[in-house]
Amino acid sequence: HPDKVSDRISDMVVDTYLSNDPYSRVACETLTTTNKVVLAGEVRGP
């Protein structure tokens, strides 16, 4: 489902940062549409 594709990608970003630093801060929003994915948000970490 389009919203779940976005959720999956956003949580992948969380995991990617936590894998490198377990104290990373991540707030990632993802938009998915026809042949386009956009990530936006705030991070603090590696």
PDB file of all heavy atoms in Angstrom:
ATOM      1  N   HIS A   1       0.855  -1.187   0.000  1.00  0.00           N
ATOM      2  CA  HIS A   1       0.000   0.000   0.000  1.00  0.00           C
ATOM      3  C   HIS A   1       0.893   1.239   0.000  1.00  0.00           C
ATOM      4  O   HIS A   1       1.929   1.264   0.678  1.00  0.00           O
ATOM      5  CB  HIS A   1      -0.900  -0.023   1.236  1.00  0.00           C
ATOM      6  CG  HIS A   1      -1.902   1.087   1.266  1.00  0.00           C
ATOM      7  ND1 HIS A   1      -1.564   2.381   1.625  1.00  0.00           N
ATOM      8  CD2 HIS A   1      -3.230   1.110   1.001  1.00  0.00           C
ATOM      9  CE1 HIS A   1      -2.641   3.146   1.571  1.00  0.00           C
ATOM     10  NE2 HIS A   1      -3.659   2.402   1.177  1.00  0.00           N
ATOM     11  N   PRO A   2       0.545   2.291  -0.735  1.00  0.00           N
ATOM     12  CA  PRO A   2       1.434   3.457  -0.838  1.00  0.00           C
ATOM     13  C   PRO A   2       1.881   4.024   0.511  1.00  0.00           C
ATOM     14  O   PRO A   2       3.055   4.373   0.683  1.00  0.00           O
ATOM     15  CB  PRO A   2       0.590   4.471  -1.616  1.00  0.00           C
ATOM     16  CG  PRO A   2      -0.388   3.647  -2.376  1.00  0.00           C
ATOM     17  CD  PRO A   2      -0.674   2.440  -1.555  1.00  0.00           C
ATOM     18  N   ASP A   3       0.953   4.126   1.467  1.00  0.00           N
ATOM     19  CA  ASP A   3       1.327   4.650   2.781  1.00  0.00           C
ATOM     20  C   ASP A   3       2.278   3.714   3.509  1.00  0.00           C
ATOM     21  O   ASP A   3       3.155   4.148   4.263  1.00  0.00           O
ATOM     22  CB  ASP A   3       0.079   4.898   3.634  1.00  0.00           C
ATOM     23  CG  ASP A   3      -0.826   5.961   3.051  1.00  0.00           C
ATOM     24  OD1 ASP A   3      -0.312   6.868   2.375  1.00  0.00           O
ATOM     25  OD2 ASP A   3      -2.055   5.870   3.251  1.00  0.00           O
ATOM     26  N   LYS A   4       2.118   2.420   3.292  1.00  0.00           N
ATOM     27  CA  LYS A   4       3.003   1.450   3.951  1.00  0.00           C
ATOM     28  C   LYS A   4       4.382   1.400   3.290  1.00  0.00           C
ATOM     29  O   LYS A   4       5.381   1.143   3.966  1.00  0.00           O
ATOM     30  CB  LYS A   4       2.358   0.064   3.951  1.00  0.00           C
ATOM     31  CG  LYS A   4       1.287  -0.070   5.011  1.00  0.00           C
ATOM     32  CD  LYS A   4       1.928  -0.124   6.369  1.00  0.00           C
ATOM     33  CE  LYS A   4       1.112   0.598   7.407  1.00  0.00           C
ATOM     34  NZ  LYS A   4       1.884   0.993   8.579  1.00  0.00           N
ATOM     35  N   VAL A   5       4.439   1.645   1.991  1.00  0.00           N
ATOM     36  CA  VAL A   5       5.742   1.794   1.339  1.00  0.00           C
ATOM     37  C   VAL A   5       6.486   2.961   1.992  1.00  0.00           C
ATOM     38  O   VAL A   5       7.679   2.859   2.322  1.00  0.00           O
ATOM     39  CB  VAL A   5       5.583   2.028  -0.179  1.00  0.00           C
ATOM     40  CG1 VAL A   5       6.950   2.269  -0.829  1.00  0.00           C
ATOM     41  CG2 VAL A   5       4.898   0.843  -0.845  1.00  0.00           C
ATOM     42  N   SER A   6       5.775   4.054   2.223  1.00  0.00           N
ATOM     43  CA  SER A   6       6.379   5.222   2.874  1.00  0.00           C
ATOM     44  C   SER A   6       6.812   4.895   4.300  1.00  0.00           C
ATOM     45  O   SER A   6       7.911   5.278   4.728  1.00  0.00           O
ATOM     46  CB  SER A   6       5.380   6.388   2.874  1.00  0.00           C
ATOM     47  OG  SER A   6       5.113   6.827   1.552  1.00  0.00           O
ATOM     48  N   ASP A   7       5.961   4.200   5.046  1.00  0.00           N
ATOM     49  CA  ASP A   7       6.327   3.808   6.414  1.00  0.00           C
ATOM     50  C   ASP A   7       7.576   2.944   6.422  1.00  0.00           C
ATOM     51  O   ASP A   7       8.480   3.125   7.252  1.00  0.00           O
ATOM     52  CB  ASP A   7       5.172   3.037   7.068  1.00  0.00           C
ATOM     53  CG  ASP A   7       4.032   3.926   7.531  1.00  0.00           C
ATOM     54  OD1 ASP A   7       4.213   5.152   7.595  1.00  0.00           O
ATOM     55  OD2 ASP A   7       2.954   3.373   7.837  1.00  0.00           O
ATOM     56  N   ARG A   8       7.638   1.991   5.510  1.00  0.00           N
ATOM     57  CA  ARG A   8       8.791   1.075   5.445  1.00  0.00           C
ATOM     58  C   ARG A   8      10.085   1.856   5.185  1.00  0.00           C
ATOM     59  O   ARG A   8      11.114   1.623   5.831  1.00  0.00           O
ATOM     60  CB  ARG A   8       8.541   0.042   4.337  1.00  0.00           C
ATOM     61  CG  ARG A   8       9.767  -0.763   3.890  1.00  0.00           C
ATOM     62  CD  ARG A   8       9.890  -2.045   4.613  1.00  0.00           C
ATOM     63  NE  ARG A   8      11.043  -2.829   4.114  1.00  0.00           N
ATOM     64  CZ  ARG A   8      10.943  -3.930   3.367  1.00  0.00           C
ATOM     65  NH1 ARG A   8       9.759  -4.391   2.998  1.00  0.00           N
ATOM     66  NH2 ARG A   8      12.026  -4.590   3.017  1.00  0.00           N
ATOM     67  N   ILE A   9      10.026   2.762   4.238  1.00  0.00           N
ATOM     68  CA  ILE A   9      11.224   3.544   3.907  1.00  0.00           C
ATOM     69  C   ILE A   9      11.641   4.412   5.089  1.00  0.00           C
ATOM     70  O   ILE A   9      12.831   4.494   5.435  1.00  0.00           O
ATOM     71  CB  ILE A   9      10.976   4.378   2.639  1.00  0.00           C
ATOM     72  CG1 ILE A   9      10.823   3.450   1.426  1.00  0.00           C
ATOM     73  CG2 ILE A   9      12.097   5.393   2.423  1.00  0.00           C
ATOM     74  CD1 ILE A   9      10.317   4.147   0.167  1.00  0.00           C
ATOM     75  N   SER A  10      10.680   5.055   5.737  1.00  0.00           N
ATOM     76  CA  SER A  10      11.004   5.895   6.897  1.00  0.00           C
ATOM     77  C   SER A  10      11.632   5.081   8.019  1.00  0.00           C
ATOM     78  O   SER A  10      12.599   5.523   8.664  1.00  0.00           O
ATOM     79  CB  SER A  10       9.743   6.606   7.399  1.00  0.00           C
ATOM     80  OG  SER A  10       9.304   7.582   6.480  1.00  0.00           O
ATOM     81  N   ASP A  11      11.114   3.887   8.264  1.00  0.00           N
ATOM     82  CA  ASP A  11      11.688   3.047   9.318  1.00  0.00           C
ATOM     83  C   ASP A  11      13.040   2.466   8.912  1.00  0.00           C
ATOM     84  O   ASP A  11      13.900   2.212   9.763  1.00  0.00           O
ATOM     85  CB  ASP A  11      10.707   1.936   9.710  1.00  0.00           C
ATOM     86  CG  ASP A  11       9.709   2.406  10.754  1.00  0.00           C
ATOM     87  OD1 ASP A  11      10.024   3.356  11.486  1.00  0.00           O
ATOM     88  OD2 ASP A  11       8.621   1.807  10.849  1.00  0.00           O
ATOM     89  N   MET A  12      13.252   2.270   7.621  1.00  0.00           N
ATOM     90  CA  MET A  12      14.584   1.878   7.154  1.00  0.00           C
ATOM     91  C   MET A  12      15.598   2.962   7.499  1.00  0.00           C
ATOM     92  O   MET A  12      16.734   2.676   7.916  1.00  0.00           O
ATOM     93  CB  MET A  12      14.554   1.623   5.643  1.00  0.00           C
ATOM     94  CG  MET A  12      15.912   1.333   5.017  1.00  0.00           C
ATOM     95  SD  MET A  12      16.872   2.827   4.619  1.00  0.00           S
ATOM     96  CE  MET A  12      15.866   3.538   3.319  1.00  0.00           C
ATOM     97  N   VAL A  13      15.200   4.229   7.347  1.00  0.00           N
ATOM     98  CA  VAL A  13      16.099   5.337   7.680  1.00  0.00           C
ATOM     99  C   VAL A  13      16.415   5.317   9.175  1.00  0.00           C
ATOM    100  O   VAL A  13      17.578   5.472   9.579  1.00  0.00           O
ATOM    101  CB  VAL A  13      15.486   6.685   7.257  1.00  0.00           C
ATOM    102  CG1 VAL A  13      16.341   7.850   7.759  1.00  0.00           C
ATOM    103  CG2 VAL A  13      15.340   6.751   5.738  1.00  0.00           C
ATOM    104  N   VAL A  14      15.397   5.104  10.012  1.00  0.00           N
ATOM    105  CA  VAL A  14      15.626   4.997  11.453  1.00  0.00           C
ATOM    106  C   VAL A  14      16.640   3.893  11.746  1.00  0.00           C
ATOM    107  O   VAL A  14      17.617   4.101  12.488  1.00  0.00           O
ATOM    108  CB  VAL A  14      14.302   4.728  12.202  1.00  0.00           C
ATOM    109  CG1 VAL A  14      14.566   4.453  13.690  1.00  0.00           C
ATOM    110  CG2 VAL A  14      13.343   5.902  12.059  1.00  0.00           C
ATOM    111  N   ASP A  15      16.419   2.716  11.174  1.00  0.00           N
ATOM    112  CA  ASP A  15      17.320   1.581  11.425  1.00  0.00           C
ATOM    113  C   ASP A  15      18.737   1.854  10.932  1.00  0.00           C
ATOM    114  O   ASP A  15      19.720   1.442  11.562  1.00  0.00           O
ATOM    115  CB  ASP A  15      16.776   0.319  10.755  1.00  0.00           C
ATOM    116  CG  ASP A  15      15.622  -0.304  11.523  1.00  0.00           C
ATOM    117  OD1 ASP A  15      15.296   0.202  12.613  1.00  0.00           O
ATOM    118  OD2 ASP A  15      15.051  -1.300  11.030  1.00  0.00           O
ATOM    119  N   THR A  16      18.849   2.530   9.810  1.00  0.00           N
ATOM    120  CA  THR A  16      20.174   2.827   9.265  1.00  0.00           C
ATOM    121  C   THR A  16      20.972   3.698  10.234  1.00  0.00           C
ATOM    122  O   THR A  16      22.164   3.441  10.486  1.00  0.00           O
ATOM    123  CB  THR A  16      20.050   3.518   7.894  1.00  0.00           C
ATOM    124  OG1 THR A  16      19.364   2.646   6.990  1.00  0.00           O
ATOM    125  CG2 THR A  16      21.415   3.849   7.325  1.00  0.00           C
ATOM    126  N   TYR A  17      20.332   4.702  10.787  1.00  0.00           N
ATOM    127  CA  TYR A  17      21.033   5.562  11.750  1.00  0.00           C
ATOM    128  C   TYR A  17      21.315   4.822  13.049  1.00  0.00           C
ATOM    129  O   TYR A  17      22.427   4.913  13.602  1.00  0.00           O
ATOM    130  CB  TYR A  17      20.221   6.836  11.999  1.00  0.00           C
ATOM    131  CG  TYR A  17      20.511   7.916  10.973  1.00  0.00           C
ATOM    132  CD1 TYR A  17      19.776   7.981   9.797  1.00  0.00           C
ATOM    133  CD2 TYR A  17      21.529   8.830  11.175  1.00  0.00           C
ATOM    134  CE1 TYR A  17      20.054   8.942   8.842  1.00  0.00           C
ATOM    135  CE2 TYR A  17      21.818   9.801  10.222  1.00  0.00           C
ATOM    136  CZ  TYR A  17      21.083   9.851   9.061  1.00  0.00           C
ATOM    137  OH  TYR A  17      21.374  10.800   8.106  1.00  0.00           O
ATOM    138  N   LEU A  18      20.345   4.066  13.560  1.00  0.00           N
ATOM    139  CA  LEU A  18      20.564   3.344  14.819  1.00  0.00           C
ATOM    140  C   LEU A  18      21.639   2.268  14.673  1.00  0.00           C
ATOM    141  O   LEU A  18      22.328   1.942  15.643  1.00  0.00           O
ATOM    142  CB  LEU A  18      19.253   2.728  15.298  1.00  0.00           C
ATOM    143  CG  LEU A  18      18.165   3.700  15.764  1.00  0.00           C
ATOM    144  CD1 LEU A  18      16.904   2.934  16.165  1.00  0.00           C
ATOM    145  CD2 LEU A  18      18.634   4.565  16.927  1.00  0.00           C
ATOM    146  N   SER A  19      21.772   1.710  13.479  1.00  0.00           N
ATOM    147  CA  SER A  19      22.817   0.707  13.246  1.00  0.00           C
ATOM    148  C   SER A  19      24.209   1.308  13.412  1.00  0.00           C
ATOM    149  O   SER A  19      25.145   0.627  13.837  1.00  0.00           O
ATOM    150  CB  SER A  19      22.698   0.126  11.829  1.00  0.00           C
ATOM    151  OG  SER A  19      21.517  -0.611  11.686  1.00  0.00           O
ATOM    152  N   ASN A  20      24.331   2.581  13.072  1.00  0.00           N
ATOM    153  CA  ASN A  20      25.616   3.263  13.166  1.00  0.00           C
ATOM    154  C   ASN A  20      25.831   3.937  14.517  1.00  0.00           C
ATOM    155  O   ASN A  20      26.971   4.084  14.959  1.00  0.00           O
ATOM    156  CB  ASN A  20      25.733   4.299  12.046  1.00  0.00           C
ATOM    157  CG  ASN A  20      25.952   3.665  10.686  1.00  0.00           C
ATOM    158  OD1 ASN A  20      27.073   3.405  10.294  1.00  0.00           O
ATOM    159  ND2 ASN A  20      24.858   3.389   9.976  1.00  0.00           N
ATOM    160  N   ASP A  21      24.748   4.353  15.150  1.00  0.00           N
ATOM    161  CA  ASP A  21      24.820   4.984  16.473  1.00  0.00           C
ATOM    162  C   ASP A  21      23.478   4.771  17.159  1.00  0.00           C
ATOM    163  O   ASP A  21      22.469   5.345  16.746  1.00  0.00           O
ATOM    164  CB  ASP A  21      25.120   6.476  16.340  1.00  0.00           C
ATOM    165  CG  ASP A  21      25.158   7.187  17.701  1.00  0.00           C
ATOM    166  OD1 ASP A  21      24.916   6.528  18.737  1.00  0.00           O
ATOM    167  OD2 ASP A  21      25.417   8.408  17.721  1.00  0.00           O
ATOM    168  N   PRO A  22      23.430   3.942  18.217  1.00  0.00           N
ATOM    169  CA  PRO A  22      22.146   3.631  18.860  1.00  0.00           C
ATOM    170  C   PRO A  22      21.466   4.825  19.519  1.00  0.00           C
ATOM    171  O   PRO A  22      20.306   4.725  19.909  1.00  0.00           O
ATOM    172  CB  PRO A  22      22.518   2.568  19.900  1.00  0.00           C
ATOM    173  CG  PRO A  22      23.977   2.724  20.115  1.00  0.00           C
ATOM    174  CD  PRO A  22      24.554   3.207  18.824  1.00  0.00           C
ATOM    175  N   TYR A  23      22.179   5.955  19.599  1.00  0.00           N
ATOM    176  CA  TYR A  23      21.586   7.148  20.203  1.00  0.00           C
ATOM    177  C   TYR A  23      21.263   8.213  19.159  1.00  0.00           C
ATOM    178  O   TYR A  23      21.058   9.377  19.493  1.00  0.00           O
ATOM    179  CB  TYR A  23      22.519   7.700  21.288  1.00  0.00           C
ATOM    180  CG  TYR A  23      22.746   6.683  22.383  1.00  0.00           C
ATOM    181  CD1 TYR A  23      23.916   5.931  22.431  1.00  0.00           C
ATOM    182  CD2 TYR A  23      21.758   6.431  23.339  1.00  0.00           C
ATOM    183  CE1 TYR A  23      24.110   4.964  23.410  1.00  0.00           C
ATOM    184  CE2 TYR A  23      21.945   5.472  24.321  1.00  0.00           C
ATOM    185  CZ  TYR A  23      23.122   4.740  24.348  1.00  0.00           C
ATOM    186  OH  TYR A  23      23.300   3.783  25.312  1.00  0.00           O
ATOM    187  N   SER A  24      21.191   7.821  17.915  1.00  0.00           N
ATOM    188  CA  SER A  24      20.814   8.747  16.846  1.00  0.00           C
ATOM    189  C   SER A  24      19.399   9.271  17.067  1.00  0.00           C
ATOM    190  O   SER A  24      18.551   8.598  17.671  1.00  0.00           O
ATOM    191  CB  SER A  24      20.879   8.045  15.486  1.00  0.00           C
ATOM    192  OG  SER A  24      22.186   7.652  15.166  1.00  0.00           O
ATOM    193  N   ARG A  25      19.172  10.458  16.545  1.00  0.00           N
ATOM    194  CA  ARG A  25      17.820  11.037  16.541  1.00  0.00           C
ATOM    195  C   ARG A  25      17.335  11.120  15.098  1.00  0.00           C
ATOM    196  O   ARG A  25      18.048  11.640  14.230  1.00  0.00           O
ATOM    197  CB  ARG A  25      17.827  12.436  17.169  1.00  0.00           C
ATOM    198  CG  ARG A  25      18.341  12.473  18.603  1.00  0.00           C
ATOM    199  CD  ARG A  25      17.325  11.865  19.564  1.00  0.00           C
ATOM    200  NE  ARG A  25      17.877  11.699  20.893  1.00  0.00           N
ATOM    201  CZ  ARG A  25      17.952  12.658  21.812  1.00  0.00           C
ATOM    202  NH1 ARG A  25      17.513  13.874  21.519  1.00  0.00           N
ATOM    203  NH2 ARG A  25      18.437  12.407  23.009  1.00  0.00           N
ATOM    204  N   VAL A  26      16.144  10.628  14.862  1.00  0.00           N
ATOM    205  CA  VAL A  26      15.607  10.591  13.498  1.00  0.00           C
ATOM    206  C   VAL A  26      14.116  10.933  13.517  1.00  0.00           C
ATOM    207  O   VAL A  26      13.372  10.420  14.358  1.00  0.00           O
ATOM    208  CB  VAL A  26      15.783   9.191  12.849  1.00  0.00           C
ATOM    209  CG1 VAL A  26      15.263   9.206  11.416  1.00  0.00           C
ATOM    210  CG2 VAL A  26      17.236   8.746  12.882  1.00  0.00           C
ATOM    211  N   ALA A  27      13.727  11.798  12.612  1.00  0.00           N
ATOM    212  CA  ALA A  27      12.310  12.039  12.328  1.00  0.00           C
ATOM    213  C   ALA A  27      12.196  12.160  10.818  1.00  0.00           C
ATOM    214  O   ALA A  27      12.457  13.218  10.245  1.00  0.00           O
ATOM    215  CB  ALA A  27      11.816  13.308  13.022  1.00  0.00           C
ATOM    216  N   CYS A  28      11.844  11.069  10.170  1.00  0.00           N
ATOM    217  CA  CYS A  28      11.877  10.996   8.711  1.00  0.00           C
ATOM    218  C   CYS A  28      10.478  10.765   8.136  1.00  0.00           C
ATOM    219  O   CYS A  28       9.803   9.797   8.488  1.00  0.00           O
ATOM    220  CB  CYS A  28      12.809   9.870   8.257  1.00  0.00           C
ATOM    221  SG  CYS A  28      12.816   9.601   6.469  1.00  0.00           S
ATOM    222  N   GLU A  29      10.068  11.657   7.253  1.00  0.00           N
ATOM    223  CA  GLU A  29       8.810  11.509   6.522  1.00  0.00           C
ATOM    224  C   GLU A  29       9.127  11.144   5.076  1.00  0.00           C
ATOM    225  O   GLU A  29      10.100  11.646   4.497  1.00  0.00           O
ATOM    226  CB  GLU A  29       8.002  12.804   6.556  1.00  0.00           C
ATOM    227  CG  GLU A  29       7.847  13.426   7.933  1.00  0.00           C
ATOM    228  CD  GLU A  29       7.076  12.579   8.904  1.00  0.00           C
ATOM    229  OE1 GLU A  29       6.320  11.693   8.459  1.00  0.00           O
ATOM    230  OE2 GLU A  29       7.212  12.797  10.124  1.00  0.00           O
ATOM    231  N   THR A  30       8.302  10.286   4.494  1.00  0.00           N
ATOM    232  CA  THR A  30       8.524   9.851   3.115  1.00  0.00           C
ATOM    233  C   THR A  30       7.259  10.050   2.291  1.00  0.00           C
ATOM    234  O   THR A  30       6.158   9.724   2.752  1.00  0.00           O
ATOM    235  CB  THR A  30       8.935   8.364   3.067  1.00  0.00           C
ATOM    236  OG1 THR A  30      10.119   8.180   3.844  1.00  0.00           O
ATOM    237  CG2 THR A  30       9.198   7.911   1.637  1.00  0.00           C
ATOM    238  N   LEU A  31       7.420  10.573   1.100  1.00  0.00           N
ATOM    239  CA  LEU A  31       6.338  10.682   0.122  1.00  0.00           C
ATOM    240  C   LEU A  31       6.664   9.754  -1.038  1.00  0.00           C
ATOM    241  O   LEU A  31       7.789   9.742  -1.530  1.00  0.00           O
ATOM    242  CB  LEU A  31       6.211  12.125  -0.363  1.00  0.00           C
ATOM    243  CG  LEU A  31       5.178  12.414  -1.463  1.00  0.00           C
ATOM    244  CD1 LEU A  31       4.613  13.820  -1.292  1.00  0.00           C
ATOM    245  CD2 LEU A  31       5.784  12.291  -2.873  1.00  0.00           C
ATOM    246  N   THR A  32       5.679   8.971  -1.453  1.00  0.00           N
ATOM    247  CA  THR A  32       5.835   8.116  -2.627  1.00  0.00           C
ATOM    248  C   THR A  32       4.714   8.413  -3.611  1.00  0.00           C
ATOM    249  O   THR A  32       3.548   8.517  -3.227  1.00  0.00           O
ATOM    250  CB  THR A  32       5.796   6.617  -2.251  1.00  0.00           C
ATOM    251  OG1 THR A  32       4.578   6.333  -1.536  1.00  0.00           O
ATOM    252  CG2 THR A  32       6.979   6.243  -1.370  1.00  0.00           C
ATOM    253  N   THR A  33       5.078   8.565  -4.873  1.00  0.00           N
ATOM    254  CA  THR A  33       4.088   8.790  -5.918  1.00  0.00           C
ATOM    255  C   THR A  33       4.634   8.215  -7.222  1.00  0.00           C
ATOM    256  O   THR A  33       5.617   7.471  -7.205  1.00  0.00           O
ATOM    257  CB  THR A  33       3.743  10.291  -6.036  1.00  0.00           C
ATOM    258  OG1 THR A  33       2.659  10.459  -6.951  1.00  0.00           O
ATOM    259  CG2 THR A  33       4.939  11.113  -6.485  1.00  0.00           C
ATOM    260  N   THR A  34       4.005   8.517  -8.329  1.00  0.00           N
ATOM    261  CA  THR A  34       4.415   7.927  -9.604  1.00  0.00           C
ATOM    262  C   THR A  34       5.898   8.205  -9.883  1.00  0.00           C
ATOM    263  O   THR A  34       6.306   9.362 -10.041  1.00  0.00           O
ATOM    264  CB  THR A  34       3.545   8.482 -10.749  1.00  0.00           C
ATOM    265  OG1 THR A  34       2.167   8.197 -10.468  1.00  0.00           O
ATOM    266  CG2 THR A  34       3.936   7.843 -12.072  1.00  0.00           C
ATOM    267  N   ASN A  35       6.681   7.134  -9.864  1.00  0.00           N
ATOM    268  CA  ASN A  35       8.118   7.181 -10.153  1.00  0.00           C
ATOM    269  C   ASN A  35       8.861   8.278  -9.384  1.00  0.00           C
ATOM    270  O   ASN A  35       9.772   8.928  -9.922  1.00  0.00           O
ATOM    271  CB  ASN A  35       8.360   7.326 -11.666  1.00  0.00           C
ATOM    272  CG  ASN A  35       8.202   5.989 -12.372  1.00  0.00           C
ATOM    273  OD1 ASN A  35       8.446   4.929 -11.790  1.00  0.00           O
ATOM    274  ND2 ASN A  35       7.774   6.020 -13.625  1.00  0.00           N
ATOM    275  N   LYS A  36       8.466   8.472  -8.116  1.00  0.00           N
ATOM    276  CA  LYS A  36       9.126   9.484  -7.287  1.00  0.00           C
ATOM    277  C   LYS A  36       9.032   9.087  -5.823  1.00  0.00           C
ATOM    278  O   LYS A  36       7.983   8.671  -5.342  1.00  0.00           O
ATOM    279  CB  LYS A  36       8.473  10.852  -7.496  1.00  0.00           C
ATOM    280  CG  LYS A  36       9.011  11.966  -6.609  1.00  0.00           C
ATOM    281  CD  LYS A  36      10.287  12.554  -7.149  1.00  0.00           C
ATOM    282  CE  LYS A  36      10.032  13.476  -8.317  1.00  0.00           C
ATOM    283  NZ  LYS A  36      11.279  14.159  -8.748  1.00  0.00           N
ATOM    284  N   VAL A  37      10.177   9.218  -5.120  1.00  0.00           N
ATOM    285  CA  VAL A  37      10.224   9.061  -3.674  1.00  0.00           C
ATOM    286  C   VAL A  37      10.956  10.273  -3.113  1.00  0.00           C
ATOM    287  O   VAL A  37      12.033  10.645  -3.608  1.00  0.00           O
ATOM    288  CB  VAL A  37      10.967   7.772  -3.253  1.00  0.00           C
ATOM    289  CG1 VAL A  37      11.051   7.675  -1.729  1.00  0.00           C
ATOM    290  CG2 VAL A  37      10.282   6.539  -3.821  1.00  0.00           C
ATOM    291  N   VAL A  38      10.377  10.895  -2.068  1.00  0.00           N
ATOM    292  CA  VAL A  38      10.997  12.056  -1.442  1.00  0.00           C
ATOM    293  C   VAL A  38      11.106  11.814   0.061  1.00  0.00           C
ATOM    294  O   VAL A  38      10.107  11.512   0.722  1.00  0.00           O
ATOM    295  CB  VAL A  38      10.185  13.343  -1.702  1.00  0.00           C
ATOM    296  CG1 VAL A  38      10.866  14.545  -1.027  1.00  0.00           C
ATOM    297  CG2 VAL A  38      10.021  13.593  -3.189  1.00  0.00           C
ATOM    298  N   LEU A  39      12.325  11.924   0.596  1.00  0.00           N
ATOM    299  CA  LEU A  39      12.560  11.842   2.030  1.00  0.00           C
ATOM    300  C   LEU A  39      12.750  13.252   2.569  1.00  0.00           C
ATOM    301  O   LEU A  39      13.453  14.069   1.957  1.00  0.00           O
ATOM    302  CB  LEU A  39      13.816  11.034   2.351  1.00  0.00           C
ATOM    303  CG  LEU A  39      13.998   9.654   1.718  1.00  0.00           C
ATOM    304  CD1 LEU A  39      15.297   9.033   2.220  1.00  0.00           C
ATOM    305  CD2 LEU A  39      12.833   8.768   2.039  1.00  0.00           C
ATOM    306  N   ALA A  40      12.161  13.537   3.743  1.00  0.00           N
ATOM    307  CA  ALA A  40      12.351  14.836   4.391  1.00  0.00           C
ATOM    308  C   ALA A  40      12.286  14.638   5.892  1.00  0.00           C
ATOM    309  O   ALA A  40      11.631  13.711   6.381  1.00  0.00           O
ATOM    310  CB  ALA A  40      11.295  15.836   3.927  1.00  0.00           C
ATOM    311  N   GLY A  41      12.968  15.515   6.625  1.00  0.00           N
ATOM    312  CA  GLY A  41      12.916  15.418   8.072  1.00  0.00           C
ATOM    313  C   GLY A  41      14.225  15.812   8.711  1.00  0.00           C
ATOM    314  O   GLY A  41      15.095  16.428   8.074  1.00  0.00           O
ATOM    315  N   GLU A  42      14.353  15.455   9.994  1.00  0.00           N
ATOM    316  CA  GLU A  42      15.482  15.884  10.800  1.00  0.00           C
ATOM    317  C   GLU A  42      16.231  14.675  11.352  1.00  0.00           C
ATOM    318  O   GLU A  42      15.589  13.699  11.762  1.00  0.00           O
ATOM    319  CB  GLU A  42      15.006  16.756  11.972  1.00  0.00           C
ATOM    320  CG  GLU A  42      14.236  17.997  11.557  1.00  0.00           C
ATOM    321  CD  GLU A  42      12.800  17.695  11.160  1.00  0.00           C
ATOM    322  OE1 GLU A  42      12.120  16.961  11.885  1.00  0.00           O
ATOM    323  OE2 GLU A  42      12.370  18.177  10.084  1.00  0.00           O
ATOM    324  N   VAL A  43      17.547  14.794  11.404  1.00  0.00           N
ATOM    325  CA  VAL A  43      18.363  13.714  11.951  1.00  0.00           C
ATOM    326  C   VAL A  43      19.485  14.323  12.796  1.00  0.00           C
ATOM    327  O   VAL A  43      19.886  15.472  12.599  1.00  0.00           O
ATOM    328  CB  VAL A  43      18.982  12.833  10.839  1.00  0.00           C
ATOM    329  CG1 VAL A  43      17.893  12.117  10.052  1.00  0.00           C
ATOM    330  CG2 VAL A  43      19.854  13.655   9.901  1.00  0.00           C
ATOM    331  N   ARG A  44      19.966  13.532  13.749  1.00  0.00           N
ATOM    332  CA  ARG A  44      21.176  13.872  14.491  1.00  0.00           C
ATOM    333  C   ARG A  44      21.904  12.572  14.767  1.00  0.00           C
ATOM    334  O   ARG A  44      21.355  11.682  15.418  1.00  0.00           O
ATOM    335  CB  ARG A  44      20.840  14.596  15.795  1.00  0.00           C
ATOM    336  CG  ARG A  44      22.082  15.017  16.599  1.00  0.00           C
ATOM    337  CD  ARG A  44      21.819  16.267  17.413  1.00  0.00           C
ATOM    338  NE  ARG A  44      20.732  16.101  18.353  1.00  0.00           N
ATOM    339  CZ  ARG A  44      20.909  15.891  19.668  1.00  0.00           C
ATOM    340  NH1 ARG A  44      22.116  15.799  20.174  1.00  0.00           N
ATOM    341  NH2 ARG A  44      19.865  15.769  20.457  1.00  0.00           N
ATOM    342  N   GLY A  45      23.102  12.444  14.241  1.00  0.00           N
ATOM    343  CA  GLY A  45      23.830  11.194  14.375  1.00  0.00           C
ATOM    344  C   GLY A  45      24.975  11.132  13.387  1.00  0.00           C
ATOM    345  O   GLY A  45      25.457  12.164  12.914  1.00  0.00           O
ATOM    346  N   PRO A  46      25.406   9.925  13.043  1.00  0.00           N
ATOM    347  CA  PRO A  46      26.547   9.775  12.139  1.00  0.00           C
ATOM    348  C   PRO A  46      26.212  10.278  10.740  1.00  0.00           C
ATOM    349  O   PRO A  46      25.054  10.327  10.340  1.00  0.00           O
ATOM    350  CB  PRO A  46      26.787   8.262  12.134  1.00  0.00           C
ATOM    351  CG  PRO A  46      25.459   7.675  12.471  1.00  0.00           C
ATOM    352  CD  PRO A  46      24.832   8.629  13.437  1.00  0.00           C
TER     353      PRO A  46
END
